[in-house]
Protein backbone atom coordinates (compact mmCIF):
# COMPACT_ATOMS: atom_id res chain seq x y z
CA UNK A 1 14.56 20.45 8.94
CA UNK A 2 11.11 21.91 9.05
CA UNK A 3 9.92 19.92 6.04
CA UNK A 4 10.90 16.65 7.77
CA UNK A 5 9.16 17.73 10.94
CA UNK A 6 6.00 18.08 8.86
CA UNK A 7 6.49 14.77 7.30
CA UNK A 8 6.89 13.12 10.79
CA UNK A 9 3.80 14.86 12.04
CA UNK A 10 1.83 13.58 9.07
CA UNK A 11 3.08 9.96 9.56
CA UNK A 12 1.81 10.06 13.25
CA UNK A 13 -1.53 11.36 12.04
CA UNK A 14 -1.78 8.50 9.60
CA UNK A 15 -0.87 6.18 12.36
CA UNK A 16 -3.54 7.35 14.64
CA UNK A 17 -6.11 7.09 11.78
CA UNK A 18 -5.23 3.48 11.03
CA UNK A 19 -5.42 2.68 14.70
CA UNK A 20 -8.85 4.30 15.03
CA UNK A 21 -10.04 2.27 12.02
CA UNK A 22 -8.74 -0.98 13.66
CA UNK A 23 -6.60 -1.71 10.67
CA UNK A 24 -3.44 -2.27 12.69
CA UNK A 25 -4.34 -4.59 15.63
CA UNK A 26 -1.54 -4.86 18.26
CA UNK A 27 1.84 -4.15 16.76
CA UNK A 28 0.68 -5.16 13.18
CA UNK A 29 1.36 -2.56 10.39
CA UNK A 30 4.02 0.17 9.75
CA UNK A 31 4.08 3.41 7.78
CA UNK A 32 6.98 5.19 6.10
CA UNK A 33 7.39 8.34 4.01
CA UNK A 34 10.27 9.61 1.87
CA UNK A 35 12.19 12.44 3.60
CA UNK A 36 13.18 15.69 1.79
CA UNK A 37 16.78 14.62 1.31
CA UNK A 38 15.69 11.12 0.02
CA UNK A 39 16.07 9.16 3.27
CA UNK A 40 13.15 7.22 4.77
CA UNK A 41 11.18 7.99 7.91
CA UNK A 42 9.57 4.77 9.22
CA UNK A 43 7.73 3.63 12.22
CA UNK A 44 9.80 1.68 14.81
CA UNK A 45 9.82 -2.22 14.99
CA UNK A 46 7.23 -3.80 17.20
CA UNK A 47 5.29 -0.55 17.80
CA UNK A 48 1.55 -0.05 18.42
CA UNK A 49 0.75 2.61 15.70
CA UNK A 50 -1.76 4.39 17.78
CA UNK A 51 0.96 4.98 20.41
CA UNK A 52 4.03 5.88 18.42
CA UNK A 53 5.74 9.14 19.41
CA UNK A 54 7.69 11.38 17.06
CA UNK A 55 10.94 10.71 18.83
CA UNK A 56 10.58 6.89 18.08
CA UNK A 57 10.41 7.20 14.27
CA UNK A 58 13.50 5.93 12.60
CA UNK A 59 15.39 7.53 9.91
CA UNK A 60 17.11 5.21 7.31
CA UNK A 61 19.04 5.64 4.05
CA UNK A 62 17.27 4.74 0.82
CA UNK A 63 19.32 1.63 0.41
CA UNK A 64 18.03 0.43 3.79
CA UNK A 65 21.39 0.47 5.46
CA UNK A 66 22.04 0.95 9.13
CA UNK A 67 19.64 3.58 10.46
CA UNK A 68 20.83 7.11 11.33
CA UNK A 69 18.41 7.07 14.29
CA UNK A 70 15.83 4.67 15.91
CA UNK A 71 14.99 1.02 15.40
CA UNK A 72 13.08 0.69 12.08
CA UNK A 73 10.33 -1.61 11.26
CA UNK A 74 11.18 -5.24 10.26
CA UNK A 75 9.59 -4.48 7.07
CA UNK A 76 12.10 -1.75 6.13
CA UNK A 77 13.54 -3.86 3.32
CA UNK A 78 10.08 -4.02 1.57
CA UNK A 79 9.64 -0.21 1.99
CA UNK A 80 13.05 0.60 0.76
CA UNK A 81 12.63 -1.64 -2.33
CA UNK A 82 9.50 0.15 -3.34
CA UNK A 83 11.07 3.63 -3.08
CA UNK A 84 14.03 2.62 -5.14
CA UNK A 85 11.91 1.15 -7.87
CA UNK A 86 9.26 3.95 -7.78
CA UNK A 87 10.59 7.42 -7.63
CA UNK A 88 7.02 8.82 -7.75
CA UNK A 89 6.13 7.14 -4.41
CA UNK A 90 6.38 9.31 -1.45
CA UNK A 91 4.84 6.91 1.20
CA UNK A 92 4.10 3.31 2.03
CA UNK A 93 1.33 1.96 4.41
CA UNK A 94 1.23 -1.51 5.45
CA UNK A 95 -1.83 -2.59 7.53
CA UNK A 96 -4.20 -5.48 8.24
CA UNK A 97 -7.79 -4.35 7.61
CA UNK A 98 -9.79 -7.57 8.26
CA UNK A 99 -11.65 -7.92 4.93
CA UNK A 100 -8.47 -7.21 2.84
CA UNK A 101 -6.58 -9.78 5.13
CA UNK A 102 -9.11 -12.34 4.28
CA UNK A 103 -8.33 -12.02 0.56
CA UNK A 104 -4.66 -12.15 1.43
CA UNK A 105 -5.26 -15.35 3.33
CA UNK A 106 -7.19 -16.88 0.52
CA UNK A 107 -4.52 -15.61 -1.89
CA UNK A 108 -7.11 -14.47 -4.20
CA UNK A 109 -6.00 -13.36 -7.67
CA UNK A 110 -7.69 -10.26 -8.84
CA UNK A 111 -7.30 -11.19 -12.53
CA UNK A 112 -9.78 -8.55 -14.04
CA UNK A 113 -10.90 -5.07 -12.84
CA UNK A 114 -14.46 -4.87 -11.37
CA UNK A 115 -14.51 -1.64 -9.54
CA UNK A 116 -14.29 1.78 -11.26
CA UNK A 117 -12.59 3.77 -8.37
CA UNK A 118 -10.12 1.10 -7.60
CA UNK A 119 -9.15 0.46 -11.19
CA UNK A 120 -8.63 4.24 -11.92
CA UNK A 121 -6.91 5.06 -8.71
CA UNK A 122 -4.85 1.90 -7.93
CA UNK A 123 -4.98 -0.25 -11.12
CA UNK A 124 -5.59 -3.95 -10.46
CA UNK A 125 -4.67 -4.95 -6.96
CA UNK A 126 -1.61 -7.29 -7.02
CA UNK A 127 -1.39 -10.57 -5.03
CA UNK A 128 2.17 -11.11 -3.92
CA UNK A 129 3.40 -14.60 -3.16
CA UNK A 130 4.15 -15.46 0.44
CA UNK A 131 7.28 -14.34 2.14
CA UNK A 132 8.30 -13.89 5.78
CA UNK A 133 8.00 -10.37 7.11
CA UNK A 134 10.76 -8.15 5.61
CA UNK A 135 11.63 -10.67 2.85
CA UNK A 136 8.97 -9.95 0.17
CA UNK A 137 11.20 -7.49 -1.58
CA UNK A 138 11.93 -9.17 -4.86
CA UNK A 139 8.34 -10.39 -5.42
CA UNK A 140 6.84 -6.97 -4.42
CA UNK A 141 9.23 -5.22 -6.83
CA UNK A 142 7.73 -7.03 -9.83
CA UNK A 143 4.14 -6.26 -8.43
CA UNK A 144 5.14 -2.62 -7.82
CA UNK A 145 5.59 -2.05 -11.54
CA UNK A 146 1.90 -2.81 -12.14
CA UNK A 147 -0.07 -1.14 -9.50
CA UNK A 148 -0.37 0.76 -6.08
CA UNK A 149 -1.98 -1.95 -3.95
CA UNK A 150 -0.57 -5.25 -2.98
CA UNK A 151 -2.14 -8.13 -1.08
CA UNK A 152 0.61 -10.02 0.62
CA UNK A 153 -0.31 -13.76 0.59
CA UNK A 154 -0.90 -15.09 4.04
CA UNK A 155 -0.19 -11.84 5.64
CA UNK A 156 -1.53 -8.26 5.11
CA UNK A 157 -1.86 -5.42 2.65
CA UNK A 158 0.31 -2.63 1.30
CA UNK A 159 -0.81 0.64 -0.43
CA UNK A 160 1.48 3.30 -1.73
CA UNK A 161 1.20 6.89 -2.99
CA UNK A 162 2.70 10.21 -3.61
CA UNK A 163 1.94 11.30 -0.04
CA UNK A 164 1.29 9.38 3.21
CA UNK A 165 -2.40 10.76 3.24
CA UNK A 166 -2.90 9.36 -0.35
CA UNK A 167 -1.48 5.98 0.63
CA UNK A 168 -3.80 5.86 3.62
CA UNK A 169 -6.83 6.94 1.48
CA UNK A 170 -6.04 3.95 -0.78
CA UNK A 171 -5.98 1.58 2.15
CA UNK A 172 -9.34 2.83 3.25
CA UNK A 173 -10.73 2.40 -0.30
CA UNK A 174 -9.18 -1.04 -0.70
CA UNK A 175 -10.97 -2.34 2.45
CA UNK A 176 -14.20 -0.88 1.19
CA UNK A 177 -13.64 -2.76 -2.04
CA UNK A 178 -12.82 -6.05 -0.22
CA UNK A 179 -16.07 -5.77 1.72
CA UNK A 180 -18.10 -4.86 -1.53
CA UNK A 181 -16.52 -7.78 -3.33
CA UNK A 182 -17.73 -10.13 -0.59
CA UNK A 183 -21.18 -8.60 -0.76
CA UNK A 184 -21.19 -9.07 -4.58
CA UNK A 185 -20.63 -12.82 -4.09
CA UNK A 186 -23.95 -13.07 -2.46
CA UNK A 187 -25.41 -11.78 -5.62
CA UNK A 188 -23.52 -14.05 -8.04
CA UNK A 189 -20.06 -12.42 -7.90
CA UNK A 190 -18.45 -9.10 -9.08
CA UNK A 191 -18.73 -8.80 -12.91
CA UNK A 192 -15.46 -7.87 -14.66
CA UNK A 193 -15.49 -4.88 -17.02
CA UNK A 194 -16.01 -5.71 -20.59
CA UNK A 195 -13.45 -4.63 -23.33
CA UNK A 196 -15.75 -1.75 -24.27
CA UNK A 197 -16.26 -0.62 -20.65
CA UNK A 198 -12.39 -0.67 -20.19
CA UNK A 199 -11.97 1.43 -23.36
CA UNK A 200 -14.61 3.87 -22.05
CA UNK A 201 -12.67 4.05 -18.86
CA UNK A 202 -9.42 4.87 -20.66
CA UNK A 203 -11.10 7.53 -22.62
CA UNK A 204 -12.24 9.06 -19.33
CA UNK A 205 -8.75 8.94 -17.73
CA UNK A 206 -7.27 10.49 -20.88
CA UNK A 207 -9.84 13.39 -20.75
CA UNK A 208 -9.05 14.25 -17.14
CA UNK A 209 -5.33 13.79 -17.48
CA UNK A 210 -4.96 10.56 -15.34
CA UNK A 211 -2.59 7.84 -16.39
CA UNK A 212 -4.26 4.91 -17.96
CA UNK A 213 -4.72 2.02 -15.47
CA UNK A 214 -3.38 -1.40 -16.40
CA UNK A 215 -5.97 -3.81 -17.88
CA UNK A 216 -4.19 -7.10 -16.64
CA UNK A 217 -2.40 -8.15 -13.52
CA UNK A 218 1.36 -8.32 -13.59
CA UNK A 219 2.82 -11.75 -12.92
CA UNK A 220 6.19 -11.46 -14.52
CA UNK A 221 9.28 -9.27 -13.82
């Protein structure tokens, strides 16, 4: 289908961008997008994202069953779980930008919002308990109800969005946030928004037609 050809081309462009940013060293990272018929297009297992070819992209049913073509990423179960839980999600990006990975290794808990752009566009980044690659589905499902950016403890980072480009932009913004948070520590640490500031942010999102971001991390199902 012409629409799916366009989706596959966009996945490849995002893969090239991630590689250029050095967010996916070696074979780390994977990208997927929801196809026009509800199936999933996903990068192949063990692939170097900067070198992936269109013919290598795998196509898989939404339930994550046997692929109709190709050899999907080992993180397929995680991608499929997000798509099933969030009908609004059109793409998933999993990468390893260095500053973000540092927070994932430290298993940092982003308990309160400190950055306007991140809070408005992604909510509070969620920290997901450790699980081997491809096995974070249940924990990630709980987190996916509460935001659009996930630090996988001891591993990497996932961002989601309505399009593959939006998920990529969130990944770029998240890495900038991680770097800024580290810089803020040299000045005494990032200061969380006060209740009045959060109320002001909510008035802003209401006025421009954006959904209200969550004001607390989601730790329960």
